[in-house]
Amino acid sequence: MTTHFTYADGVAVAEVAYYVPALLVSLYITSKHGFSKGSGWIFLTIFCIIRIVGSAAQLATINKTDPQTAETIALVCAVLGLSPLVLSTLGILARVYYSMLKQPWNTIFSLVLLRAVQIPALVALILCIIGATNTNDPAQIYSQSIVHIGIILYAIVFAALVLLTGGTILGWRKTTRGELPLIIGISITLPFLAVRILYALLAVFSNDSRFNPATGSKTVALFMDVLQEMAVVLIYLTTGVIAPAVPKADDGQPRSQDSKLMYRARRGDFNGGRLGLLTLAVAAWTGKMDEDHHRRQRHRGVREEGSQSGYPLSSQQRYGSSAV
């Protein structure tokens, strides 16, 4: 049995090297901002997992005498990649609009308009899965009519994302403090997403064989698919690290722990069953850790002040205003 390390295998190695650390960062960001589907960040984690699995499947074809199964897995993962990126963008937009609009309009907007955009994205995902698993030839995945419908739905959803992003740009002054990085991140991401969706459209509707993901040009796929997705992930990871989980209050003052939990509950971070409960548990634990850290810092400052002044510290200074 001979083995051949191809151009596609080299790209797969690069993807594994990129998405494994990206997955770790995305897990941190998801734990910071919330695991619920409405927040959008969980889909970034899902995307990283899909890309790692797809790249591993591509590498598995090297030493396989019958690599068709591994090739099918790799191509199915390639088809599934668009949905998590679109849903991640939609979830981040939902958070921005929540901070822009006032009650009850922010809740109505999330429940009605954003759901109206989310449903076609999920339908597109289902159609692509069905189409990809209905063929025995990996090269024929993109020739399935049901996959064509799914890609068209992705393009329609992307157009809606562009319009929604335009609304956030026009109304950015109405957002609460700390949400501007989200708007900037989405705005920078859209051109890369546009190229990625254009590649998918060319794959299903163009007669040019170079755009066939299975048998076409790997260089075209590298520049219109792989690198575009990497750029989107990098931008969102950077945005997720920079943006606070909860924006500051309108007066610019930091929120208390109870205020943060209440804000996130109204925003819907704790909805969605077990994922919502997990988000609540992480938020409560990190909030307690932050409060303990600030309390230690405050006590350390008081002790240093007392040692410099030469006067003994009172019990209130030692233990805080709650001491009796």
Protein backbone atom coordinates (compact mmCIF):
# COMPACT_ATOMS: atom_id res chain seq x y z
CA MET A 1 0.00 0.00 0.00
CA THR A 2 1.42 3.36 -1.01
CA THR A 3 0.67 6.65 0.64
CA HIS A 4 0.49 10.03 -1.05
CA PHE A 5 0.58 13.32 0.84
CA THR A 6 -1.44 15.70 -1.31
CA TYR A 7 -2.08 19.43 -1.44
CA ALA A 8 -5.42 18.85 0.32
CA ASP A 9 -3.65 16.92 3.08
CA GLY A 10 -1.31 19.84 3.67
CA VAL A 11 -4.26 22.20 3.97
CA ALA A 12 -5.87 19.76 6.42
CA VAL A 13 -2.73 19.79 8.60
CA ALA A 14 -2.81 23.59 8.66
CA GLU A 15 -6.50 23.54 9.62
CA VAL A 16 -5.90 21.16 12.52
CA ALA A 17 -3.00 23.30 13.74
CA TYR A 18 -5.24 26.38 13.55
CA TYR A 19 -8.56 25.12 14.87
CA VAL A 20 -7.32 23.13 17.87
CA PRO A 21 -6.07 26.26 19.70
CA ALA A 22 -9.03 28.18 18.27
CA LEU A 23 -11.34 25.62 19.88
CA LEU A 24 -9.71 26.17 23.27
CA VAL A 25 -10.10 29.95 22.97
CA SER A 26 -13.69 29.57 21.80
CA LEU A 27 -14.48 27.42 24.85
CA TYR A 28 -13.17 30.20 27.08
CA ILE A 29 -15.21 32.80 25.20
CA THR A 30 -18.35 30.65 25.31
CA SER A 31 -17.97 30.15 29.06
CA LYS A 32 -17.53 33.91 29.41
CA HIS A 33 -20.47 35.05 27.27
CA GLY A 34 -22.84 32.10 27.59
CA PHE A 35 -23.52 28.63 26.26
CA SER A 36 -27.08 29.35 25.14
CA LYS A 37 -27.79 29.17 21.41
CA GLY A 38 -29.14 32.70 21.40
CA SER A 39 -25.78 34.18 22.39
CA GLY A 40 -24.11 32.90 19.22
CA TRP A 41 -20.76 32.01 20.74
CA ILE A 42 -21.57 28.31 21.14
CA PHE A 43 -21.79 28.05 17.34
CA LEU A 44 -18.20 29.25 17.06
CA THR A 45 -17.15 26.30 19.21
CA ILE A 46 -19.27 23.94 17.10
CA PHE A 47 -17.65 25.29 13.93
CA CYS A 48 -14.14 24.65 15.27
CA ILE A 49 -15.11 21.07 16.13
CA ILE A 50 -16.58 20.51 12.65
CA ARG A 51 -13.42 21.79 10.99
CA ILE A 52 -11.18 19.61 13.17
CA VAL A 53 -13.27 16.52 12.38
CA GLY A 54 -13.30 17.33 8.66
CA SER A 55 -9.55 17.88 8.55
CA ALA A 56 -8.91 14.68 10.51
CA ALA A 57 -11.09 12.80 8.02
CA GLN A 58 -9.09 14.25 5.14
CA LEU A 59 -5.84 13.11 6.78
CA ALA A 60 -7.35 9.67 7.36
CA THR A 61 -7.52 9.18 3.59
CA ILE A 62 -3.72 9.03 3.39
CA ASN A 63 -3.37 5.48 4.73
CA LYS A 64 -6.74 4.10 3.62
CA THR A 65 -7.00 1.63 0.73
CA ASP A 66 -10.67 2.68 0.36
CA PRO A 67 -10.78 6.36 1.37
CA GLN A 68 -14.34 7.04 0.18
CA THR A 69 -15.88 7.08 3.67
CA ALA A 70 -13.25 9.49 4.99
CA GLU A 71 -13.64 11.68 1.90
CA THR A 72 -17.40 11.76 2.40
CA ILE A 73 -16.99 12.82 6.04
CA ALA A 74 -14.56 15.57 5.01
CA LEU A 75 -16.92 16.92 2.33
CA VAL A 76 -19.98 16.71 4.58
CA CYS A 77 -18.10 18.73 7.21
CA ALA A 78 -17.21 21.25 4.50
CA VAL A 79 -20.90 21.61 3.61
CA LEU A 80 -21.88 22.05 7.27
CA GLY A 81 -19.39 24.84 7.95
CA LEU A 82 -21.55 27.73 6.76
CA SER A 83 -24.38 27.22 9.22
CA PRO A 84 -22.42 27.72 12.48
CA LEU A 85 -20.74 30.86 11.13
CA VAL A 86 -24.08 32.34 10.06
CA LEU A 87 -25.78 31.43 13.35
CA SER A 88 -22.85 32.81 15.33
CA THR A 89 -23.15 36.13 13.49
CA LEU A 90 -26.89 36.18 14.09
CA GLY A 91 -26.48 35.52 17.81
CA ILE A 92 -23.97 38.36 18.20
CA LEU A 93 -26.30 40.67 16.28
CA ALA A 94 -29.12 39.71 18.64
CA ARG A 95 -27.02 40.84 21.59
CA VAL A 96 -26.24 44.18 19.92
CA TYR A 97 -29.90 44.83 19.15
CA TYR A 98 -30.84 43.95 22.73
CA SER A 99 -28.59 46.74 23.96
CA MET A 100 -29.85 49.17 21.29
CA LEU A 101 -33.58 48.70 21.81
CA LYS A 102 -35.60 49.31 24.95
CA GLN A 103 -38.10 47.03 26.63
CA PRO A 104 -40.28 45.48 25.36
CA TRP A 105 -39.02 46.05 21.81
CA ASN A 106 -35.69 44.29 22.35
CA THR A 107 -37.48 41.13 23.50
CA ILE A 108 -39.99 41.30 20.64
CA PHE A 109 -37.16 41.83 18.17
CA SER A 110 -35.30 38.78 19.45
CA LEU A 111 -38.37 36.55 19.45
CA VAL A 112 -39.81 37.57 16.09
CA LEU A 113 -37.35 39.08 13.62
CA LEU A 114 -34.19 37.25 14.63
CA ARG A 115 -36.03 33.94 14.85
CA ALA A 116 -37.36 34.60 11.36
CA VAL A 117 -33.75 34.75 10.17
CA GLN A 118 -32.56 31.84 12.31
CA ILE A 119 -35.16 29.38 11.01
CA PRO A 120 -34.04 29.54 7.33
CA ALA A 121 -30.43 29.03 8.46
CA LEU A 122 -31.41 25.88 10.36
CA VAL A 123 -33.51 24.65 7.42
CA ALA A 124 -30.51 25.20 5.12
CA LEU A 125 -28.36 23.14 7.49
CA ILE A 126 -30.86 20.28 7.49
CA LEU A 127 -31.19 20.32 3.71
CA CYS A 128 -27.42 20.24 3.24
CA ILE A 129 -27.08 17.32 5.66
CA ILE A 130 -29.79 15.35 3.84
CA GLY A 131 -28.31 16.11 0.44
CA ALA A 132 -24.77 15.25 1.52
CA THR A 133 -25.78 11.90 3.00
CA ASN A 134 -28.04 10.87 0.12
CA THR A 135 -25.23 10.28 -2.37
CA ASN A 136 -22.63 7.53 -2.49
CA ASP A 137 -20.22 9.65 -4.53
CA PRO A 138 -18.59 12.51 -2.57
CA ALA A 139 -18.01 14.41 -5.82
CA GLN A 140 -21.78 14.57 -6.39
CA ILE A 141 -22.72 16.21 -3.08
CA TYR A 142 -22.92 19.69 -4.58
CA SER A 143 -24.96 18.44 -7.54
CA GLN A 144 -27.87 17.47 -5.27
CA SER A 145 -30.86 19.76 -5.82
CA ILE A 146 -31.63 19.74 -2.11
CA VAL A 147 -28.13 21.08 -1.42
CA HIS A 148 -28.76 23.81 -4.01
CA ILE A 149 -31.82 24.94 -2.05
CA GLY A 150 -29.79 24.96 1.17
CA ILE A 151 -27.07 27.14 -0.35
CA ILE A 152 -29.68 29.57 -1.70
CA LEU A 153 -31.15 29.85 1.79
CA TYR A 154 -27.68 30.62 3.17
CA ALA A 155 -27.34 33.43 0.63
CA ILE A 156 -30.74 34.83 1.63
CA VAL A 157 -29.82 34.67 5.32
CA PHE A 158 -26.52 36.42 4.58
CA ALA A 159 -28.39 39.25 2.84
CA ALA A 160 -30.53 39.60 5.98
CA LEU A 161 -27.38 39.70 8.12
CA VAL A 162 -26.02 42.54 5.98
CA LEU A 163 -29.22 44.54 6.49
CA LEU A 164 -29.24 43.86 10.24
CA THR A 165 -25.58 44.87 10.51
CA GLY A 166 -26.35 48.09 8.66
CA GLY A 167 -28.98 48.81 11.30
CA THR A 168 -26.43 48.38 14.10
CA ILE A 169 -23.97 50.70 12.33
CA LEU A 170 -26.62 53.40 11.99
CA GLY A 171 -27.73 53.03 15.60
CA TRP A 172 -24.43 52.31 17.34
CA ARG A 173 -24.76 55.39 19.55
CA LYS A 174 -27.78 53.77 21.20
CA THR A 175 -25.86 50.68 22.30
CA THR A 176 -24.76 50.29 25.90
CA ARG A 177 -21.12 50.78 26.83
CA GLY A 178 -18.85 47.93 25.74
CA GLU A 179 -20.92 46.64 22.80
CA LEU A 180 -19.13 48.61 20.06
CA PRO A 181 -16.45 45.88 19.54
CA LEU A 182 -19.26 43.51 18.56
CA ILE A 183 -20.46 45.85 15.81
CA ILE A 184 -16.91 46.37 14.55
CA GLY A 185 -16.22 42.63 14.59
CA ILE A 186 -19.35 41.76 12.60
CA SER A 187 -18.73 44.56 10.10
CA ILE A 188 -15.18 43.35 9.42
CA THR A 189 -16.37 39.74 9.17
CA LEU A 190 -19.07 40.25 6.52
CA PRO A 191 -16.72 40.62 3.50
CA PHE A 192 -15.02 37.32 4.39
CA LEU A 193 -18.39 35.63 4.81
CA ALA A 194 -19.47 37.07 1.46
CA VAL A 195 -16.53 35.42 -0.33
CA ARG A 196 -17.24 32.13 1.46
CA ILE A 197 -20.89 32.14 0.40
CA LEU A 198 -19.92 33.16 -3.14
CA TYR A 199 -17.69 30.09 -3.29
CA ALA A 200 -20.60 27.89 -2.18
CA LEU A 201 -22.86 29.43 -4.83
CA LEU A 202 -20.23 28.88 -7.52
CA ALA A 203 -19.80 25.29 -6.33
CA VAL A 204 -23.45 24.46 -6.97
CA PHE A 205 -24.35 26.71 -9.91
CA SER A 206 -21.14 27.28 -11.90
CA ASN A 207 -20.10 25.03 -14.77
CA ASP A 208 -16.46 25.82 -14.01
CA SER A 209 -14.91 22.63 -12.61
CA ARG A 210 -12.43 24.65 -10.54
CA PHE A 211 -15.18 25.45 -8.03
CA ASN A 212 -16.11 21.83 -7.31
CA PRO A 213 -14.95 21.27 -3.69
CA ALA A 214 -14.36 17.57 -4.32
CA THR A 215 -12.58 17.57 -7.68
CA GLY A 216 -11.83 21.23 -8.38
CA SER A 217 -8.87 23.50 -7.71
CA LYS A 218 -7.55 23.18 -4.17
CA THR A 219 -5.92 26.59 -4.48
CA VAL A 220 -9.29 28.20 -5.23
CA ALA A 221 -10.77 26.35 -2.26
CA LEU A 222 -7.89 27.51 -0.07
CA PHE A 223 -8.38 31.19 -0.85
CA MET A 224 -12.17 31.32 -1.17
CA ASP A 225 -13.06 28.82 1.54
CA VAL A 226 -10.40 27.89 4.08
CA LEU A 227 -8.69 31.26 4.55
CA GLN A 228 -12.01 33.13 4.62
CA GLU A 229 -13.29 30.91 7.42
CA MET A 230 -10.05 31.27 9.35
CA ALA A 231 -10.33 35.05 9.11
CA VAL A 232 -13.92 34.98 10.39
CA VAL A 233 -12.97 32.79 13.34
CA LEU A 234 -9.96 34.97 14.21
CA ILE A 235 -12.07 38.14 14.16
CA TYR A 236 -14.80 36.63 16.32
CA LEU A 237 -12.30 35.16 18.78
CA THR A 238 -10.65 38.57 19.15
CA THR A 239 -14.04 40.23 19.54
CA GLY A 240 -15.15 37.71 22.14
CA VAL A 241 -12.02 38.23 24.23
CA ILE A 242 -12.27 42.04 24.09
CA ALA A 243 -16.02 42.46 24.63
CA PRO A 244 -17.29 42.21 28.23
CA ALA A 245 -19.94 39.62 29.02
CA VAL A 246 -22.12 42.40 30.42
CA PRO A 247 -21.80 46.03 29.27
CA LYS A 248 -21.44 48.82 31.78
CA ALA A 249 -24.48 50.72 32.99
CA ASP A 250 -25.66 53.80 31.10
CA ASP A 251 -23.83 56.04 33.57
CA GLY A 252 -20.56 54.24 32.82
CA GLN A 253 -20.30 52.61 36.25
CA PRO A 254 -19.57 48.87 36.62
CA ARG A 255 -22.59 46.75 37.49
CA SER A 256 -22.93 44.76 40.69
CA GLN A 257 -23.00 40.98 40.51
CA ASP A 258 -26.78 40.88 41.03
CA SER A 259 -27.25 43.52 38.34
CA LYS A 260 -25.12 41.52 35.90
CA LEU A 261 -27.11 38.35 36.49
CA MET A 262 -30.40 40.21 36.10
CA TYR A 263 -29.26 41.84 32.86
CA ARG A 264 -28.14 38.52 31.40
CA ALA A 265 -31.37 36.83 32.46
CA ARG A 266 -33.42 39.47 30.64
CA ARG A 267 -31.14 39.14 27.61
CA GLY A 268 -31.89 35.41 27.47
CA ASP A 269 -28.43 34.08 28.32
CA PHE A 270 -29.89 31.60 30.81
CA ASN A 271 -32.59 30.24 28.51
CA GLY A 272 -32.29 27.00 26.58
CA GLY A 273 -32.47 24.25 29.19
CA ARG A 274 -29.21 22.73 30.36
CA LEU A 275 -27.02 25.11 28.36
CA GLY A 276 -28.78 28.04 30.02
CA LEU A 277 -28.30 26.51 33.46
CA LEU A 278 -24.63 25.92 32.68
CA THR A 279 -24.29 29.57 31.67
CA LEU A 280 -25.96 30.67 34.91
CA ALA A 281 -23.66 28.47 37.00
CA VAL A 282 -20.52 29.78 35.26
CA ALA A 283 -21.71 33.40 35.56
CA ALA A 284 -22.44 33.02 39.28
CA TRP A 285 -19.10 31.31 39.94
CA THR A 286 -17.02 33.84 38.00
CA GLY A 287 -18.93 36.68 39.65
CA LYS A 288 -18.12 35.31 43.08
CA MET A 289 -14.46 34.93 42.12
CA ASP A 290 -14.38 38.54 40.91
CA GLU A 291 -15.97 39.81 44.12
CA ASP A 292 -13.49 37.83 46.24
CA HIS A 293 -10.61 39.22 44.17
CA HIS A 294 -11.83 42.82 44.53
CA ARG A 295 -12.35 42.32 48.27
CA ARG A 296 -8.78 41.03 48.71
CA GLN A 297 -7.44 43.93 46.66
CA ARG A 298 -9.41 46.41 48.77
CA HIS A 299 -8.21 44.89 52.04
CA ARG A 300 -4.62 44.84 50.81
CA GLY A 301 -4.88 48.53 49.95
CA VAL A 302 -6.32 49.32 53.38
CA ARG A 303 -3.53 47.41 55.14
CA GLU A 304 -0.87 49.22 53.13
CA GLU A 305 -2.50 52.54 53.95
CA GLY A 306 -2.55 51.68 57.66
CA SER A 307 1.05 50.53 57.71
CA GLN A 308 2.17 53.74 56.03
CA SER A 309 0.20 55.93 58.45
CA GLY A 310 1.48 54.10 61.54
CA TYR A 311 -2.01 53.77 63.09
CA PRO A 312 -3.63 50.40 63.89
CA LEU A 313 -6.51 49.32 61.63
CA SER A 314 -10.05 49.12 62.94
CA SER A 315 -12.12 45.95 62.51
CA GLN A 316 -14.19 47.73 59.85
CA GLN A 317 -11.05 48.55 57.87
CA ARG A 318 -9.82 44.97 58.19
CA TYR A 319 -13.01 43.16 57.23
CA GLY A 320 -15.04 45.71 55.30
CA SER A 321 -18.18 47.64 56.07
CA SER A 322 -20.11 44.46 56.91
CA ALA A 323 -17.99 43.76 60.02
CA VAL A 324 -19.69 44.25 63.39
